[in-house]
Protein backbone atom coordinates (compact mmCIF):
# COMPACT_ATOMS: atom_id res chain seq x y z
CA MET A 1 105.43 81.74 18.76
CA LYS A 2 108.15 81.13 21.39
CA THR A 3 108.19 84.83 22.08
CA ILE A 4 104.41 84.87 22.73
CA VAL A 5 104.61 81.82 25.02
CA SER A 6 107.54 83.28 26.94
CA ALA A 7 105.71 86.55 27.40
CA PHE A 8 102.63 84.67 28.58
CA LEU A 9 104.60 82.63 31.12
CA LEU A 10 106.39 85.75 32.31
CA ALA A 11 103.06 87.47 32.84
CA LEU A 12 101.80 84.50 34.83
CA GLY A 13 104.95 84.61 36.97
CA ILE A 14 104.57 88.29 37.65
CA LEU A 15 100.87 87.86 38.50
CA GLY A 16 101.70 84.91 40.73
CA TRP A 17 104.41 86.82 42.55
CA GLY A 18 102.18 89.84 42.96
CA GLY A 19 99.38 87.67 44.32
CA ALA A 20 101.76 86.00 46.77
CA ALA A 21 103.09 89.37 47.88
CA ARG A 22 99.57 90.68 48.41
CA ALA A 23 98.67 87.54 50.34
CA GLN A 24 101.75 88.00 52.53
CA GLN A 25 100.87 91.64 53.19
CA THR A 26 97.31 90.78 54.20
CA ALA A 27 98.17 87.68 56.27
CA PRO A 28 97.43 88.16 60.00
CA LYS A 29 100.44 88.88 62.18
CA ALA A 30 101.50 86.18 64.61
CA THR A 31 100.28 86.57 68.17
CA ILE A 32 102.94 87.79 70.60
CA VAL A 33 103.04 85.37 73.54
CA LEU A 34 104.52 86.59 76.83
CA LYS A 35 105.19 84.16 79.66
CA LYS A 36 104.74 85.99 82.96
CA ALA A 37 106.18 84.38 86.11
CA ASP A 38 105.04 85.25 89.64
CA PHE A 39 105.87 83.79 93.04
CA GLY A 40 102.59 84.86 94.67
CA VAL A 41 99.62 82.53 94.97
CA ALA A 42 96.76 83.34 92.61
CA THR A 43 94.36 84.36 95.41
CA GLN A 44 96.50 87.20 96.80
CA THR A 45 95.43 90.79 96.24
CA ARG A 46 98.46 91.75 94.20
CA THR A 47 98.48 88.58 92.10
CA ARG A 48 94.85 89.07 91.18
CA LEU A 49 95.79 92.47 89.78
CA SER A 50 98.78 90.89 88.07
CA THR A 51 96.28 88.65 86.26
CA TRP A 52 94.23 91.74 85.36
CA TRP A 53 97.33 93.31 83.79
CA GLY A 54 97.71 90.39 81.41
CA GLU A 55 94.03 90.26 80.53
CA GLU A 56 93.94 93.99 79.94
CA LEU A 57 97.02 93.88 77.74
CA GLU A 58 95.35 91.21 75.63
CA ARG A 59 92.15 93.24 75.40
CA ARG A 60 93.75 96.60 74.59
CA SER A 61 96.03 95.02 71.99
CA GLY A 62 93.04 93.48 70.23
CA GLY A 63 94.37 90.00 70.91
CA ARG A 64 97.75 90.67 69.33
CA VAL A 65 99.41 89.93 72.69
CA LYS A 66 98.64 86.88 74.81
CA VAL A 67 99.96 86.64 78.36
CA GLU A 68 100.51 83.19 79.85
CA TYR A 69 100.47 83.72 83.61
CA TYR A 70 102.31 81.37 85.98
CA PRO A 71 101.69 82.18 89.69
CA ALA A 72 102.95 80.47 92.85
CA ASN A 73 106.46 79.60 91.58
CA SER A 74 104.88 77.30 88.99
CA LEU A 75 107.36 78.34 86.28
CA VAL A 76 110.26 80.09 88.02
CA ALA A 77 111.20 80.35 91.70
CA ALA A 78 111.17 83.84 93.24
CA ALA A 79 114.96 84.00 93.56
CA ASP A 80 115.39 83.05 89.88
CA VAL A 81 112.99 85.56 88.35
CA PHE A 82 115.56 88.20 87.48
CA GLU A 83 117.95 85.84 85.71
CA ALA A 84 115.11 84.03 83.93
CA THR A 85 113.82 87.36 82.63
CA ARG A 86 117.24 88.71 81.69
CA SER A 87 118.12 85.54 79.80
CA GLY A 88 114.80 85.41 77.96
CA THR A 89 113.55 82.19 79.57
CA ILE A 90 110.46 84.20 80.46
CA GLY A 91 109.15 87.41 78.96
CA VAL A 92 107.89 89.14 82.11
CA GLY A 93 108.78 88.52 85.75
CA ILE A 94 107.51 89.78 89.10
CA TRP A 95 110.79 90.70 90.75
CA VAL A 96 111.77 91.43 94.34
CA GLN A 97 115.25 92.93 94.51
CA ALA A 98 115.64 91.70 98.09
CA TYR A 99 115.75 88.13 96.75
CA ASN A 100 118.78 89.15 94.66
CA PRO A 101 120.51 91.82 96.78
CA SER A 102 123.64 91.87 94.63
CA VAL A 103 121.57 92.85 91.58
CA SER A 104 120.95 96.62 91.46
CA PRO A 105 121.84 97.39 95.10
CA MET A 106 120.32 100.85 94.58
CA SER A 107 116.90 99.24 94.17
CA ALA A 108 116.99 98.22 97.84
CA LEU A 109 115.91 101.82 98.53
CA PHE A 110 112.26 100.94 97.97
CA THR A 111 112.15 98.16 100.54
CA LEU A 112 114.21 99.74 103.33
CA PRO A 113 112.48 99.17 106.70
CA GLY A 114 109.88 101.84 107.38
CA ILE A 115 110.82 103.91 104.31
CA SER A 116 107.23 104.28 103.12
CA PRO A 117 104.47 104.66 105.71
CA ASP A 118 101.68 104.97 103.12
CA PHE A 119 101.45 102.68 100.11
CA ARG A 120 99.64 105.00 97.69
CA SER A 121 102.04 107.92 98.05
CA ALA A 122 105.01 105.55 98.03
CA ALA A 123 103.80 103.79 94.87
CA ARG A 124 103.29 107.07 93.07
CA ALA A 125 106.70 108.29 94.22
CA ALA A 126 108.44 105.07 93.14
CA ASN A 127 106.67 105.21 89.79
CA GLU A 128 107.84 108.78 89.21
CA LEU A 129 111.40 108.00 90.31
CA MET A 130 111.53 104.94 88.06
CA PHE A 131 109.94 106.36 84.91
CA GLY A 132 110.38 110.13 85.21
CA ASP A 133 112.95 112.15 83.29
CA GLU A 134 114.65 113.96 86.20
CA PHE A 135 116.47 110.96 87.68
CA THR A 136 117.04 108.17 85.18
CA PHE A 137 119.54 106.06 87.12
CA TYR A 138 117.20 103.15 87.82
CA ARG A 139 115.84 102.82 84.31
CA ASP A 140 119.31 103.16 82.78
CA GLU A 141 120.85 100.62 85.15
CA LEU A 142 118.16 97.99 84.62
CA ARG A 143 118.41 98.34 80.85
CA LYS A 144 122.15 97.76 81.05
CA LEU A 145 121.43 94.63 83.07
CA GLY A 146 119.20 93.34 80.29
CA VAL A 147 115.68 94.07 81.51
CA GLU A 148 113.06 96.75 80.97
CA PRO A 149 111.04 98.01 83.97
CA VAL A 150 107.36 97.56 83.15
CA TYR A 151 105.44 98.68 86.22
CA VAL A 152 105.85 99.38 89.93
CA TRP A 153 104.08 97.25 92.49
CA GLY A 154 104.59 96.76 96.21
CA VAL A 155 103.16 95.50 99.45
CA SER A 156 101.06 97.16 102.09
CA ASP A 157 101.19 97.42 105.86
CA GLN A 158 104.32 95.44 106.71
CA GLU A 159 103.70 93.89 110.11
CA LEU A 160 104.81 90.95 112.22
CA ILE A 161 102.72 87.81 112.45
CA GLY A 162 103.99 85.11 114.76
CA THR A 163 103.36 82.07 116.90
CA ARG A 164 104.13 83.94 120.15
CA PRO A 165 102.76 87.14 121.72
CA LEU A 166 104.16 90.33 120.13
CA GLY A 167 103.34 93.00 122.69
CA GLY A 168 106.53 95.06 122.29
CA ILE A 169 110.13 95.19 121.11
CA ALA A 170 111.24 93.01 124.02
CA ALA A 171 109.11 90.16 122.67
CA LEU A 172 111.39 89.86 119.65
CA LYS A 173 114.39 88.71 121.67
CA GLY A 174 115.27 85.13 120.73
CA MET A 175 112.65 84.89 117.99
CA LYS A 176 113.44 83.48 114.55
CA VAL A 177 111.96 86.08 112.19
CA ARG A 178 111.69 85.72 108.41
CA VAL A 179 112.98 88.73 106.50
CA ILE A 180 114.53 89.32 103.08
CA GLY A 181 117.24 91.55 101.66
CA ARG A 182 120.25 93.00 103.49
CA GLU A 183 118.76 95.80 105.58
CA TRP A 184 115.84 94.04 107.29
CA PRO A 185 118.11 91.44 108.94
CA LYS A 186 120.12 94.28 110.50
CA LEU A 187 116.93 95.77 111.94
CA ILE A 188 115.71 92.47 113.36
CA ASP A 189 119.12 91.64 114.77
CA ALA A 190 119.24 95.03 116.55
CA PHE A 191 116.25 93.92 118.64
CA GLY A 192 117.71 90.56 119.62
CA ALA A 193 115.88 88.40 117.08
CA THR A 194 117.47 85.97 114.66
CA PRO A 195 116.82 86.92 111.01
CA VAL A 196 115.94 84.06 108.67
CA ALA A 197 116.09 84.54 104.89
CA MET A 198 113.24 82.71 103.19
CA PRO A 199 111.03 83.12 100.09
CA TRP A 200 107.38 83.89 100.77
CA PRO A 201 105.96 80.53 99.62
CA GLU A 202 107.88 78.71 102.37
CA VAL A 203 106.59 80.82 105.27
CA TYR A 204 103.37 78.92 106.11
CA GLU A 205 105.05 75.53 106.49
CA SER A 206 107.96 77.00 108.46
CA LEU A 207 105.61 78.66 110.96
CA ALA A 208 103.64 75.43 111.25
CA ARG A 209 106.79 73.36 111.91
CA GLY A 210 108.24 75.86 114.38
CA THR A 211 111.39 76.52 112.36
CA LEU A 212 110.13 80.11 112.16
CA ASP A 213 108.57 82.12 115.00
CA ALA A 214 107.42 85.18 113.08
CA ASN A 215 107.22 86.68 109.61
CA VAL A 216 107.52 90.24 108.37
CA GLY A 217 104.76 90.55 105.79
CA PHE A 218 101.72 92.59 104.88
CA VAL A 219 98.29 92.14 106.38
CA THR A 220 96.26 91.11 103.32
CA ALA A 221 98.93 88.66 102.16
CA ASN A 222 99.02 87.13 105.64
CA ARG A 223 95.27 86.68 105.36
CA ASP A 224 95.32 85.40 101.77
CA SER A 225 98.07 82.88 102.58
CA LYS A 226 96.13 81.77 105.68
CA LEU A 227 99.06 82.32 107.98
CA TYR A 228 96.50 82.92 110.73
CA GLU A 229 95.93 79.16 110.80
CA VAL A 230 99.40 78.60 112.25
CA ALA A 231 100.27 82.01 113.77
CA LYS A 232 97.82 83.70 116.13
CA HIS A 233 99.70 86.91 117.02
CA HIS A 234 99.85 89.98 114.78
CA THR A 235 101.17 93.53 115.19
CA ARG A 236 99.89 96.86 113.93
CA ILE A 237 103.15 98.77 114.41
CA GLY A 238 103.81 100.44 111.06
CA LEU A 239 106.86 98.77 109.56
CA GLY A 240 106.11 100.45 106.26
CA ALA A 241 104.39 99.70 102.97
CA PRO A 242 107.23 99.11 100.52
CA ALA A 243 106.45 100.19 96.96
CA GLY A 244 109.05 99.86 94.26
CA PRO A 245 109.43 96.19 93.46
CA LEU A 246 108.95 95.79 89.74
CA ALA A 247 107.47 93.80 86.95
CA ILE A 248 110.35 93.49 84.49
CA MET A 249 110.51 92.40 80.85
CA ASN A 250 113.33 90.86 78.89
CA ARG A 251 115.07 93.80 77.19
CA ALA A 252 115.26 92.21 73.73
CA THR A 253 111.58 91.23 73.96
CA TRP A 254 110.68 94.81 74.85
CA GLU A 255 112.67 96.28 71.98
CA GLY A 256 111.03 93.84 69.56
CA LEU A 257 107.50 94.94 70.45
CA PRO A 258 105.60 97.26 68.10
CA LYS A 259 105.55 100.86 69.35
CA ASP A 260 101.81 100.85 69.93
CA ILE A 261 102.08 97.72 72.12
CA GLN A 262 104.86 99.40 74.11
CA GLN A 263 102.57 102.37 74.63
CA ILE A 264 99.75 100.15 75.88
CA ILE A 265 102.16 98.57 78.37
CA ARG A 266 103.33 102.02 79.52
CA ASP A 267 99.70 103.12 79.98
CA LEU A 268 98.94 100.03 82.06
CA GLY A 269 102.07 100.68 84.09
CA ARG A 270 100.87 104.15 85.02
CA GLU A 271 97.48 102.77 86.11
CA PHE A 272 98.75 99.80 88.10
CA PRO A 273 100.01 101.49 91.33
CA ASP A 274 96.79 103.35 92.08
CA LYS A 275 94.66 100.31 91.26
CA LEU A 276 96.74 98.27 93.69
CA ALA A 277 96.46 100.97 96.34
CA ASP A 278 92.66 100.93 95.91
CA LEU A 279 92.60 97.17 96.50
CA TYR A 280 94.83 97.32 99.56
CA GLU A 281 92.76 100.08 101.14
CA THR A 282 89.50 98.27 100.38
CA GLU A 283 90.62 94.89 101.69
CA LEU A 284 92.64 95.86 104.78
CA ALA A 285 89.72 96.11 107.21
CA ASP A 286 88.22 92.86 105.93
CA ALA A 287 91.56 91.07 106.32
CA ILE A 288 91.92 92.21 109.93
CA ALA A 289 88.33 91.25 110.73
CA GLN A 290 88.75 87.81 109.17
CA MET A 291 91.92 87.11 111.13
CA LYS A 292 90.27 88.22 114.37
CA ARG A 293 87.40 85.83 113.68
CA ASN A 294 90.03 83.11 113.37
CA GLY A 295 91.49 83.82 116.78
CA VAL A 296 94.30 86.23 115.94
CA THR A 297 95.27 88.82 118.56
CA PHE A 298 96.48 92.20 117.29
CA TYR A 299 99.04 94.24 119.25
CA GLU A 300 99.87 97.95 119.35
CA TRP A 301 103.26 98.96 120.73
CA SER A 302 103.91 101.65 123.31
CA ALA A 303 105.04 105.13 122.30
CA PRO A 304 108.64 104.53 123.51
CA ASP A 305 108.84 101.27 121.52
CA ARG A 306 107.50 103.00 118.42
CA ALA A 307 110.00 105.83 118.80
CA ARG A 308 112.84 103.36 119.18
CA LEU A 309 111.65 101.46 116.11
CA ARG A 310 111.47 104.66 114.06
CA SER A 311 114.91 105.81 115.15
CA THR A 312 116.43 102.45 114.25
CA THR A 313 114.82 102.34 110.80
CA GLU A 314 115.98 105.86 109.92
CA ALA A 315 119.52 104.97 110.97
CA THR A 316 119.28 101.98 108.63
CA TRP A 317 118.43 104.29 105.69
CA LYS A 318 121.43 106.51 106.40
CA THR A 319 123.83 103.57 106.70
CA TRP A 320 122.51 102.08 103.46
CA ALA A 321 122.91 105.34 101.53
CA GLU A 322 126.38 106.14 102.86
CA GLY A 323 127.60 102.65 102.04
CA LEU A 324 126.56 102.93 98.39
CA ASP A 325 127.71 106.55 98.11
CA SER A 326 131.20 105.33 98.99
CA LYS A 327 131.03 103.03 95.96
CA GLY A 328 130.20 105.89 93.61
CA LEU A 329 126.46 105.29 93.47
CA PRO A 330 123.96 108.15 93.97
CA ALA A 331 122.17 106.52 96.92
CA SER A 332 121.79 109.61 99.12
CA GLU A 333 120.39 111.53 96.16
CA ALA A 334 117.93 108.74 95.41
CA LEU A 335 116.88 108.60 99.08
CA ARG A 336 116.37 112.38 99.19
CA ARG A 337 114.30 112.33 96.01
CA TYR A 338 112.19 109.37 97.10
CA LEU A 339 111.29 110.91 100.45
CA ALA A 340 110.50 114.24 98.77
CA LEU A 341 108.29 112.56 96.17
CA GLN A 342 106.41 110.68 98.89
CA ALA A 343 105.78 113.96 100.68
CA LYS A 344 104.56 115.53 97.43
CA HIS A 345 102.17 112.70 96.63
CA ALA A 346 100.92 112.46 100.21
CA LYS A 347 99.42 115.95 99.79
CA ARG A 348 97.22 114.89 96.87
């Protein structure tokens, strides 16, 4: 009798375990939540597409990934994005290397003054340099630093907007001009202006208070941030359209993602630069028209001033590359490749 009862109980145990195992196998997987931090205000062109990226990742993953988006420094300040991402405080961060110039000095290539006259070709070139197989320095370096590059973004039509007339290079003398990074201050200083390092969200108030005379920024962002309310002078002088800033992900978070989710993120990363270029091209004329309606004067510089500006920016590239070459970094090679890739993509 005991043998029969024992066998019966054993059978129940086995059935119970099997049922539990089957229930565990069929239970839905937990949703992957990614906190994404951005310094840009939600209304800007690029931040609107940053929101699209999260929504599209949720859709393509069938809801397995949820992106919590925090714009306008609401979670992490711009200068803290890299460390917050590296440490795992956030999952994804919109990073500007110029806010952390000691981190990946090679990444300053993409935001050198005047390095990229056209955003679309520059974005495609930066994307190829970052994710291609011929030159893996950037991807390898960032992974060693604890982050995974996710996609390339950038800004369009870098220009000056200020509280004083900006009719030529001579107008810059004595001005306090907001710039970021290590190379832009050298450029501004060469023309007699005083460079001021400042995160983007502080620019409006500084122009309004008079602690800043001008800002180097791109046209649609100047419009979206309503800088025209406090600064009525704007140039169209071609300071470049830097592409190459990144969205980065915590490395451990990336490695823990299922392979199919990684592939979705890679696919979105390939699409992002051209989508952003489309938006910039579509909105540029509207941004200029809106600012003109609000009393902004736009300035073109003379041919000699433009030539002087170009000569100075190219000298800045060479100095930057030679300085890093001397430290054993392949800066001149990266510069050569980036310019060649821009030329290649400009022909498409």
